[in-house]
Amino acid sequence: MAIEVRIPTILRTYTDGEKAVQGSGANLAELFADLETRHSGIQARLIDEAKGGELRRFVNVYLNDEDVRFLDGINTKLTDGDSVTILPAVAGGSI
């Protein structure tokens, strides 16, 4: 099963500069574990083990342009040909 994962600039140090990588898994948890086997360190930036393996608070993940927090979170099912986009939350500015 091939799933395209789009990587934000801040995480590209883990993917040797690649903007997108291929992965596989039946759900997001399996996909991130698969990515970790080839891109060591990336999973820790996405998953908060202290909170039971949930997505980190400031990481947004989209499955085919839908926010997985409104689907099934880390357990969101994946199918061949899906596209997963990882985006860090952006905050800041001035009042």
PDB file of N, CA and C in Angstrom:
ATOM      1  N   MET A   1       0.844  -1.170   0.000  1.00  0.00           N
ATOM      2  CA  MET A   1       0.000   0.000   0.000  1.00  0.00           C
ATOM      3  C   MET A   1       0.890   1.233   0.000  1.00  0.00           C
ATOM      4  N   ALA A   2       0.756   2.089  -0.973  1.00  0.00           N
ATOM      5  CA  ALA A   2       1.572   3.297  -1.076  1.00  0.00           C
ATOM      6  C   ALA A   2       0.748   4.520  -0.666  1.00  0.00           C
ATOM      7  N   ILE A   3       1.299   5.252   0.280  1.00  0.00           N
ATOM      8  CA  ILE A   3       0.673   6.469   0.766  1.00  0.00           C
ATOM      9  C   ILE A   3       1.702   7.583   0.673  1.00  0.00           C
ATOM     10  N   GLU A   4       1.329   8.686   0.034  1.00  0.00           N
ATOM     11  CA  GLU A   4       2.228   9.831  -0.066  1.00  0.00           C
ATOM     12  C   GLU A   4       2.091  10.675   1.197  1.00  0.00           C
ATOM     13  N   VAL A   5       3.229  11.022   1.792  1.00  0.00           N
ATOM     14  CA  VAL A   5       3.246  11.858   2.990  1.00  0.00           C
ATOM     15  C   VAL A   5       3.997  13.131   2.657  1.00  0.00           C
ATOM     16  N   ARG A   6       3.309  14.265   2.734  1.00  0.00           N
ATOM     17  CA  ARG A   6       3.939  15.559   2.476  1.00  0.00           C
ATOM     18  C   ARG A   6       4.545  16.071   3.777  1.00  0.00           C
ATOM     19  N   ILE A   7       5.810  16.428   3.702  1.00  0.00           N
ATOM     20  CA  ILE A   7       6.605  16.787   4.877  1.00  0.00           C
ATOM     21  C   ILE A   7       6.819  18.301   4.926  1.00  0.00           C
ATOM     22  N   PRO A   8       6.526  18.941   6.080  1.00  0.00           N
ATOM     23  CA  PRO A   8       6.779  20.386   6.179  1.00  0.00           C
ATOM     24  C   PRO A   8       8.278  20.668   6.267  1.00  0.00           C
ATOM     25  N   THR A   9       8.660  21.862   5.924  1.00  0.00           N
ATOM     26  CA  THR A   9      10.066  22.261   5.898  1.00  0.00           C
ATOM     27  C   THR A   9      10.785  21.934   7.206  1.00  0.00           C
ATOM     28  N   ILE A  10      10.146  22.188   8.323  1.00  0.00           N
ATOM     29  CA  ILE A  10      10.792  21.988   9.625  1.00  0.00           C
ATOM     30  C   ILE A  10      11.140  20.529   9.912  1.00  0.00           C
ATOM     31  N   LEU A  11      10.459  19.588   9.264  1.00  0.00           N
ATOM     32  CA  LEU A  11      10.730  18.165   9.479  1.00  0.00           C
ATOM     33  C   LEU A  11      11.564  17.533   8.367  1.00  0.00           C
ATOM     34  N   ARG A  12      11.933  18.293   7.382  1.00  0.00           N
ATOM     35  CA  ARG A  12      12.679  17.734   6.251  1.00  0.00           C
ATOM     36  C   ARG A  12      14.101  17.318   6.613  1.00  0.00           C
ATOM     37  N   THR A  13      14.599  17.744   7.755  1.00  0.00           N
ATOM     38  CA  THR A  13      15.916  17.275   8.188  1.00  0.00           C
ATOM     39  C   THR A  13      15.877  15.764   8.440  1.00  0.00           C
ATOM     40  N   TYR A  14      14.701  15.234   8.742  1.00  0.00           N
ATOM     41  CA  TYR A  14      14.548  13.797   8.982  1.00  0.00           C
ATOM     42  C   TYR A  14      14.396  13.011   7.679  1.00  0.00           C
ATOM     43  N   THR A  15      14.032  13.711   6.597  1.00  0.00           N
ATOM     44  CA  THR A  15      13.793  13.035   5.316  1.00  0.00           C
ATOM     45  C   THR A  15      14.832  13.423   4.267  1.00  0.00           C
ATOM     46  N   ASP A  16      15.989  13.860   4.717  1.00  0.00           N
ATOM     47  CA  ASP A  16      17.073  14.277   3.815  1.00  0.00           C
ATOM     48  C   ASP A  16      16.618  15.324   2.816  1.00  0.00           C
ATOM     49  N   GLY A  17      15.771  16.231   3.275  1.00  0.00           N
ATOM     50  CA  GLY A  17      15.319  17.332   2.439  1.00  0.00           C
ATOM     51  C   GLY A  17      14.140  17.024   1.535  1.00  0.00           C
ATOM     52  N   GLU A  18      13.665  15.799   1.546  1.00  0.00           N
ATOM     53  CA  GLU A  18      12.543  15.418   0.671  1.00  0.00           C
ATOM     54  C   GLU A  18      11.247  16.115   1.106  1.00  0.00           C
ATOM     55  N   LYS A  19      10.520  16.659   0.131  1.00  0.00           N
ATOM     56  CA  LYS A  19       9.251  17.323   0.398  1.00  0.00           C
ATOM     57  C   LYS A  19       8.118  16.322   0.595  1.00  0.00           C
ATOM     58  N   ALA A  20       8.266  15.154   0.009  1.00  0.00           N
ATOM     59  CA  ALA A  20       7.253  14.099   0.129  1.00  0.00           C
ATOM     60  C   ALA A  20       7.960  12.757   0.152  1.00  0.00           C
ATOM     61  N   VAL A  21       7.424  11.851   0.954  1.00  0.00           N
ATOM     62  CA  VAL A  21       7.969  10.494   1.046  1.00  0.00           C
ATOM     63  C   VAL A  21       6.813   9.503   0.928  1.00  0.00           C
ATOM     64  N   GLN A  22       7.155   8.251   0.659  1.00  0.00           N
ATOM     65  CA  GLN A  22       6.159   7.188   0.579  1.00  0.00           C
ATOM     66  C   GLN A  22       6.181   6.383   1.869  1.00  0.00           C
ATOM     67  N   GLY A  23       5.011   5.936   2.272  1.00  0.00           N
ATOM     68  CA  GLY A  23       4.916   5.106   3.459  1.00  0.00           C
ATOM     69  C   GLY A  23       3.774   4.127   3.296  1.00  0.00           C
ATOM     70  N   SER A  24       3.609   3.273   4.303  1.00  0.00           N
ATOM     71  CA  SER A  24       2.505   2.316   4.264  1.00  0.00           C
ATOM     72  C   SER A  24       1.999   2.078   5.680  1.00  0.00           C
ATOM     73  N   GLY A  25       0.765   1.619   5.761  1.00  0.00           N
ATOM     74  CA  GLY A  25       0.147   1.311   7.036  1.00  0.00           C
ATOM     75  C   GLY A  25      -1.359   1.303   6.898  1.00  0.00           C
ATOM     76  N   ALA A  26      -2.016   0.557   7.761  1.00  0.00           N
ATOM     77  CA  ALA A  26      -3.479   0.473   7.734  1.00  0.00           C
ATOM     78  C   ALA A  26      -4.122   1.697   8.377  1.00  0.00           C
ATOM     79  N   ASN A  27      -3.355   2.388   9.241  1.00  0.00           N
ATOM     80  CA  ASN A  27      -3.854   3.615   9.871  1.00  0.00           C
ATOM     81  C   ASN A  27      -2.665   4.554  10.092  1.00  0.00           C
ATOM     82  N   LEU A  28      -2.938   5.745  10.623  1.00  0.00           N
ATOM     83  CA  LEU A  28      -1.866   6.725  10.805  1.00  0.00           C
ATOM     84  C   LEU A  28      -0.774   6.233  11.753  1.00  0.00           C
ATOM     85  N   ALA A  29      -1.150   5.543  12.818  1.00  0.00           N
ATOM     86  CA  ALA A  29      -0.150   5.041  13.764  1.00  0.00           C
ATOM     87  C   ALA A  29       0.833   4.120  13.056  1.00  0.00           C
ATOM     88  N   GLU A  30       0.329   3.224  12.221  1.00  0.00           N
ATOM     89  CA  GLU A  30       1.198   2.306  11.473  1.00  0.00           C
ATOM     90  C   GLU A  30       2.027   3.058  10.438  1.00  0.00           C
ATOM     91  N   LEU A  31       1.431   4.061   9.809  1.00  0.00           N
ATOM     92  CA  LEU A  31       2.165   4.859   8.827  1.00  0.00           C
ATOM     93  C   LEU A  31       3.345   5.569   9.484  1.00  0.00           C
ATOM     94  N   PHE A  32       3.116   6.191  10.640  1.00  0.00           N
ATOM     95  CA  PHE A  32       4.190   6.903  11.322  1.00  0.00           C
ATOM     96  C   PHE A  32       5.271   5.937  11.806  1.00  0.00           C
ATOM     97  N   ALA A  33       4.873   4.752  12.241  1.00  0.00           N
ATOM     98  CA  ALA A  33       5.862   3.734  12.641  1.00  0.00           C
ATOM     99  C   ALA A  33       6.689   3.302  11.434  1.00  0.00           C
ATOM    100  N   ASP A  34       6.030   3.179  10.270  1.00  0.00           N
ATOM    101  CA  ASP A  34       6.741   2.818   9.037  1.00  0.00           C
ATOM    102  C   ASP A  34       7.720   3.925   8.651  1.00  0.00           C
ATOM    103  N   LEU A  35       7.299   5.177   8.742  1.00  0.00           N
ATOM    104  CA  LEU A  35       8.199   6.291   8.420  1.00  0.00           C
ATOM    105  C   LEU A  35       9.407   6.295   9.342  1.00  0.00           C
ATOM    106  N   GLU A  36       9.199   5.969  10.599  1.00  0.00           N
ATOM    107  CA  GLU A  36      10.291   5.961  11.577  1.00  0.00           C
ATOM    108  C   GLU A  36      11.379   4.964  11.194  1.00  0.00           C
ATOM    109  N   THR A  37      11.016   3.868  10.542  1.00  0.00           N
ATOM    110  CA  THR A  37      12.019   2.869  10.152  1.00  0.00           C
ATOM    111  C   THR A  37      12.999   3.412   9.114  1.00  0.00           C
ATOM    112  N   ARG A  38      12.567   4.373   8.308  1.00  0.00           N
ATOM    113  CA  ARG A  38      13.431   4.955   7.276  1.00  0.00           C
ATOM    114  C   ARG A  38      13.879   6.371   7.571  1.00  0.00           C
ATOM    115  N   HIS A  39      13.162   7.042   8.467  1.00  0.00           N
ATOM    116  CA  HIS A  39      13.453   8.446   8.783  1.00  0.00           C
ATOM    117  C   HIS A  39      13.488   8.597  10.304  1.00  0.00           C
ATOM    118  N   SER A  40      14.526   8.076  10.891  1.00  0.00           N
ATOM    119  CA  SER A  40      14.666   8.017  12.342  1.00  0.00           C
ATOM    120  C   SER A  40      14.486   9.381  13.008  1.00  0.00           C
ATOM    121  N   GLY A  41      13.630   9.416  14.020  1.00  0.00           N
ATOM    122  CA  GLY A  41      13.388  10.634  14.785  1.00  0.00           C
ATOM    123  C   GLY A  41      12.115  11.353  14.431  1.00  0.00           C
ATOM    124  N   ILE A  42      11.544  11.063  13.266  1.00  0.00           N
ATOM    125  CA  ILE A  42      10.360  11.804  12.829  1.00  0.00           C
ATOM    126  C   ILE A  42       9.126  11.478  13.676  1.00  0.00           C
ATOM    127  N   GLN A  43       8.990  10.236  14.097  1.00  0.00           N
ATOM    128  CA  GLN A  43       7.807   9.833  14.852  1.00  0.00           C
ATOM    129  C   GLN A  43       7.705  10.601  16.179  1.00  0.00           C
ATOM    130  N   ALA A  44       8.808  10.835  16.837  1.00  0.00           N
ATOM    131  CA  ALA A  44       8.795  11.557  18.111  1.00  0.00           C
ATOM    132  C   ALA A  44       8.329  12.998  17.943  1.00  0.00           C
ATOM    133  N   ARG A  45       8.498  13.542  16.754  1.00  0.00           N
ATOM    134  CA  ARG A  45       8.049  14.907  16.477  1.00  0.00           C
ATOM    135  C   ARG A  45       6.548  14.966  16.192  1.00  0.00           C
ATOM    136  N   LEU A  46       5.940  13.818  15.911  1.00  0.00           N
ATOM    137  CA  LEU A  46       4.525  13.769  15.558  1.00  0.00           C
ATOM    138  C   LEU A  46       3.638  13.234  16.674  1.00  0.00           C
ATOM    139  N   ILE A  47       4.166  12.281  17.430  1.00  0.00           N
ATOM    140  CA  ILE A  47       3.387  11.558  18.432  1.00  0.00           C
ATOM    141  C   ILE A  47       3.859  11.918  19.831  1.00  0.00           C
ATOM    142  N   ASP A  48       2.911  12.128  20.740  1.00  0.00           N
ATOM    143  CA  ASP A  48       3.230  12.409  22.138  1.00  0.00           C
ATOM    144  C   ASP A  48       2.990  11.148  22.954  1.00  0.00           C
ATOM    145  N   GLU A  49       4.062  10.405  23.220  1.00  0.00           N
ATOM    146  CA  GLU A  49       3.955   9.147  23.963  1.00  0.00           C
ATOM    147  C   GLU A  49       3.445   9.369  25.381  1.00  0.00           C
ATOM    148  N   ALA A  50       3.737  10.532  25.967  1.00  0.00           N
ATOM    149  CA  ALA A  50       3.279  10.835  27.320  1.00  0.00           C
ATOM    150  C   ALA A  50       1.756  10.959  27.390  1.00  0.00           C
ATOM    151  N   LYS A  51       1.131  11.172  26.259  1.00  0.00           N
ATOM    152  CA  LYS A  51      -0.333  11.291  26.206  1.00  0.00           C
ATOM    153  C   LYS A  51      -0.945  10.098  25.496  1.00  0.00           C
ATOM    154  N   GLY A  52      -0.353   8.952  25.679  1.00  0.00           N
ATOM    155  CA  GLY A  52      -0.928   7.722  25.142  1.00  0.00           C
ATOM    156  C   GLY A  52      -0.757   7.524  23.655  1.00  0.00           C
ATOM    157  N   GLY A  53       0.241   8.185  23.073  1.00  0.00           N
ATOM    158  CA  GLY A  53       0.495   7.993  21.651  1.00  0.00           C
ATOM    159  C   GLY A  53      -0.388   8.817  20.738  1.00  0.00           C
ATOM    160  N   GLU A  54      -0.967   9.878  21.266  1.00  0.00           N
ATOM    161  CA  GLU A  54      -1.797  10.760  20.445  1.00  0.00           C
ATOM    162  C   GLU A  54      -0.924  11.749  19.664  1.00  0.00           C
ATOM    163  N   LEU A  55      -1.519  12.396  18.685  1.00  0.00           N
ATOM    164  CA  LEU A  55      -0.805  13.429  17.937  1.00  0.00           C
ATOM    165  C   LEU A  55      -0.393  14.553  18.878  1.00  0.00           C
ATOM    166  N   ARG A  56       0.767  15.098  18.629  1.00  0.00           N
ATOM    167  CA  ARG A  56       1.201  16.252  19.419  1.00  0.00           C
ATOM    168  C   ARG A  56       0.229  17.407  19.189  1.00  0.00           C
ATOM    169  N   ARG A  57       0.108  18.212  20.214  1.00  0.00           N
ATOM    170  CA  ARG A  57      -0.869  19.312  20.188  1.00  0.00           C
ATOM    171  C   ARG A  57      -0.663  20.282  19.027  1.00  0.00           C
ATOM    172  N   PHE A  58       0.590  20.569  18.701  1.00  0.00           N
ATOM    173  CA  PHE A  58       0.869  21.569  17.679  1.00  0.00           C
ATOM    174  C   PHE A  58       1.234  20.970  16.328  1.00  0.00           C
ATOM    175  N   VAL A  59       0.752  19.767  16.074  1.00  0.00           N
ATOM    176  CA  VAL A  59       0.944  19.125  14.772  1.00  0.00           C
ATOM    177  C   VAL A  59      -0.427  18.850  14.178  1.00  0.00           C
ATOM    178  N   ASN A  60      -0.644  19.343  12.986  1.00  0.00           N
ATOM    179  CA  ASN A  60      -1.890  19.080  12.276  1.00  0.00           C
ATOM    180  C   ASN A  60      -1.618  18.077  11.168  1.00  0.00           C
ATOM    181  N   VAL A  61      -2.488  17.085  11.058  1.00  0.00           N
ATOM    182  CA  VAL A  61      -2.344  16.057  10.036  1.00  0.00           C
ATOM    183  C   VAL A  61      -3.640  15.997   9.241  1.00  0.00           C
ATOM    184  N   TYR A  62      -3.487  15.986   7.930  1.00  0.00           N
ATOM    185  CA  TYR A  62      -4.643  15.946   7.035  1.00  0.00           C
ATOM    186  C   TYR A  62      -4.573  14.699   6.163  1.00  0.00           C
ATOM    187  N   LEU A  63      -5.690  14.024   6.063  1.00  0.00           N
ATOM    188  CA  LEU A  63      -5.828  12.877   5.169  1.00  0.00           C
ATOM    189  C   LEU A  63      -6.690  13.326   4.012  1.00  0.00           C
ATOM    190  N   ASN A  64      -6.099  13.396   2.831  1.00  0.00           N
ATOM    191  CA  ASN A  64      -6.834  13.861   1.647  1.00  0.00           C
ATOM    192  C   ASN A  64      -7.562  15.175   1.943  1.00  0.00           C
ATOM    193  N   ASP A  65      -6.866  16.114   2.563  1.00  0.00           N
ATOM    194  CA  ASP A  65      -7.357  17.460   2.887  1.00  0.00           C
ATOM    195  C   ASP A  65      -8.378  17.513   4.020  1.00  0.00           C
ATOM    196  N   GLU A  66      -8.575  16.423   4.775  1.00  0.00           N
ATOM    197  CA  GLU A  66      -9.466  16.426   5.929  1.00  0.00           C
ATOM    198  C   GLU A  66      -8.665  16.280   7.209  1.00  0.00           C
ATOM    199  N   ASP A  67      -8.908  17.138   8.172  1.00  0.00           N
ATOM    200  CA  ASP A  67      -8.200  17.110   9.451  1.00  0.00           C
ATOM    201  C   ASP A  67      -8.518  15.805  10.179  1.00  0.00           C
ATOM    202  N   VAL A  68      -7.481  15.028  10.511  1.00  0.00           N
ATOM    203  CA  VAL A  68      -7.708  13.720  11.138  1.00  0.00           C
ATOM    204  C   VAL A  68      -8.257  13.842  12.550  1.00  0.00           C
ATOM    205  N   ARG A  69      -8.140  15.004  13.170  1.00  0.00           N
ATOM    206  CA  ARG A  69      -8.725  15.193  14.508  1.00  0.00           C
ATOM    207  C   ARG A  69     -10.249  15.089  14.441  1.00  0.00           C
ATOM    208  N   PHE A  70     -10.827  15.340  13.271  1.00  0.00           N
ATOM    209  CA  PHE A  70     -12.269  15.222  13.097  1.00  0.00           C
ATOM    210  C   PHE A  70     -12.656  13.871  12.511  1.00  0.00           C
ATOM    211  N   LEU A  71     -11.666  13.033  12.271  1.00  0.00           N
ATOM    212  CA  LEU A  71     -11.907  11.670  11.804  1.00  0.00           C
ATOM    213  C   LEU A  71     -11.700  10.744  12.994  1.00  0.00           C
ATOM    214  N   ASP A  72     -10.636   9.961  12.995  1.00  0.00           N
ATOM    215  CA  ASP A  72     -10.382   9.035  14.096  1.00  0.00           C
ATOM    216  C   ASP A  72      -8.989   9.233  14.672  1.00  0.00           C
ATOM    217  N   GLY A  73      -8.456  10.461  14.537  1.00  0.00           N
ATOM    218  CA  GLY A  73      -7.143  10.778  15.096  1.00  0.00           C
ATOM    219  C   GLY A  73      -6.056   9.856  14.581  1.00  0.00           C
ATOM    220  N   ILE A  74      -5.218   9.398  15.475  1.00  0.00           N
ATOM    221  CA  ILE A  74      -4.090   8.538  15.127  1.00  0.00           C
ATOM    222  C   ILE A  74      -4.548   7.187  14.584  1.00  0.00           C
ATOM    223  N   ASN A  75      -5.788   6.822  14.851  1.00  0.00           N
ATOM    224  CA  ASN A  75      -6.334   5.545  14.378  1.00  0.00           C
ATOM    225  C   ASN A  75      -7.088   5.672  13.053  1.00  0.00           C
ATOM    226  N   THR A  76      -7.005   6.822  12.417  1.00  0.00           N
ATOM    227  CA  THR A  76      -7.667   7.037  11.130  1.00  0.00           C
ATOM    228  C   THR A  76      -7.176   6.015  10.116  1.00  0.00           C
ATOM    229  N   LYS A  77      -8.101   5.331   9.492  1.00  0.00           N
ATOM    230  CA  LYS A  77      -7.785   4.296   8.510  1.00  0.00           C
ATOM    231  C   LYS A  77      -7.244   4.914   7.227  1.00  0.00           C
ATOM    232  N   LEU A  78      -6.326   4.194   6.591  1.00  0.00           N
ATOM    233  CA  LEU A  78      -5.718   4.633   5.341  1.00  0.00           C
ATOM    234  C   LEU A  78      -5.957   3.592   4.254  1.00  0.00           C
ATOM    235  N   THR A  79      -5.992   4.048   3.012  1.00  0.00           N
ATOM    236  CA  THR A  79      -6.100   3.138   1.878  1.00  0.00           C
ATOM    237  C   THR A  79      -5.044   3.505   0.846  1.00  0.00           C
ATOM    238  N   ASP A  80      -4.751   2.575  -0.022  1.00  0.00           N
ATOM    239  CA  ASP A  80      -3.760   2.773  -1.066  1.00  0.00           C
ATOM    240  C   ASP A  80      -4.082   4.024  -1.875  1.00  0.00           C
ATOM    241  N   GLY A  81      -3.081   4.859  -2.081  1.00  0.00           N
ATOM    242  CA  GLY A  81      -3.254   6.068  -2.872  1.00  0.00           C
ATOM    243  C   GLY A  81      -3.630   7.299  -2.064  1.00  0.00           C
ATOM    244  N   ASP A  82      -3.837   7.140  -0.754  1.00  0.00           N
ATOM    245  CA  ASP A  82      -4.157   8.293   0.087  1.00  0.00           C
ATOM    246  C   ASP A  82      -2.986   9.262   0.128  1.00  0.00           C
ATOM    247  N   SER A  83      -3.304  10.499   0.479  1.00  0.00           N
ATOM    248  CA  SER A  83      -2.293  11.530   0.648  1.00  0.00           C
ATOM    249  C   SER A  83      -2.410  12.089   2.064  1.00  0.00           C
ATOM    250  N   VAL A  84      -1.302  12.079   2.794  1.00  0.00           N
ATOM    251  CA  VAL A  84      -1.267  12.598   4.154  1.00  0.00           C
ATOM    252  C   VAL A  84      -0.362  13.828   4.154  1.00  0.00           C
ATOM    253  N   THR A  85      -0.870  14.908   4.723  1.00  0.00           N
ATOM    254  CA  THR A  85      -0.106  16.143   4.822  1.00  0.00           C
ATOM    255  C   THR A  85       0.125  16.461   6.295  1.00  0.00           C
ATOM    256  N   ILE A  86       1.372  16.719   6.655  1.00  0.00           N
ATOM    257  CA  ILE A  86       1.724  17.087   8.020  1.00  0.00           C
ATOM    258  C   ILE A  86       2.029  18.584   8.025  1.00  0.00           C
ATOM    259  N   LEU A  87       1.354  19.311   8.911  1.00  0.00           N
ATOM    260  CA  LEU A  87       1.586  20.749   9.020  1.00  0.00           C
ATOM    261  C   LEU A  87       1.769  21.136  10.476  1.00  0.00           C
ATOM    262  N   PRO A  88       2.844  21.838  10.794  1.00  0.00           N
ATOM    263  CA  PRO A  88       2.968  22.349  12.159  1.00  0.00           C
ATOM    264  C   PRO A  88       1.998  23.509  12.343  1.00  0.00           C
ATOM    265  N   ALA A  89       1.406  23.590  13.530  1.00  0.00           N
ATOM    266  CA  ALA A  89       0.520  24.705  13.814  1.00  0.00           C
ATOM    267  C   ALA A  89       1.349  25.994  13.850  1.00  0.00           C
ATOM    268  N   VAL A  90       0.779  27.068  13.380  1.00  0.00           N
ATOM    269  CA  VAL A  90       1.478  28.335  13.339  1.00  0.00           C
ATOM    270  C   VAL A  90       0.803  29.273  14.334  1.00  0.00           C
ATOM    271  N   ALA A  91       1.601  29.901  15.161  1.00  0.00           N
ATOM    272  CA  ALA A  91       1.068  30.848  16.144  1.00  0.00           C
ATOM    273  C   ALA A  91       1.990  32.052  16.188  1.00  0.00           C
ATOM    274  N   GLY A  92       1.491  33.099  16.760  1.00  0.00           N
ATOM    275  CA  GLY A  92       2.323  34.279  16.935  1.00  0.00           C
ATOM    276  C   GLY A  92       1.646  35.514  16.401  1.00  0.00           C
ATOM    277  N   GLY A  93       2.401  36.559  16.291  1.00  0.00           N
ATOM    278  CA  GLY A  93       1.863  37.820  15.833  1.00  0.00           C
ATOM    279  C   GLY A  93       1.906  38.831  16.954  1.00  0.00           C
ATOM    280  N   SER A  94       1.321  39.958  16.725  1.00  0.00           N
ATOM    281  CA  SER A  94       1.284  40.990  17.767  1.00  0.00           C
ATOM    282  C   SER A  94      -0.098  41.573  17.844  1.00  0.00           C
ATOM    283  N   ILE A  95      -0.357  42.179  18.962  1.00  0.00           N
ATOM    284  CA  ILE A  95      -1.680  42.759  19.207  1.00  0.00           C
ATOM    285  C   ILE A  95      -1.629  44.236  18.963  1.00  0.00           C
TER     286      ILE A  95
END
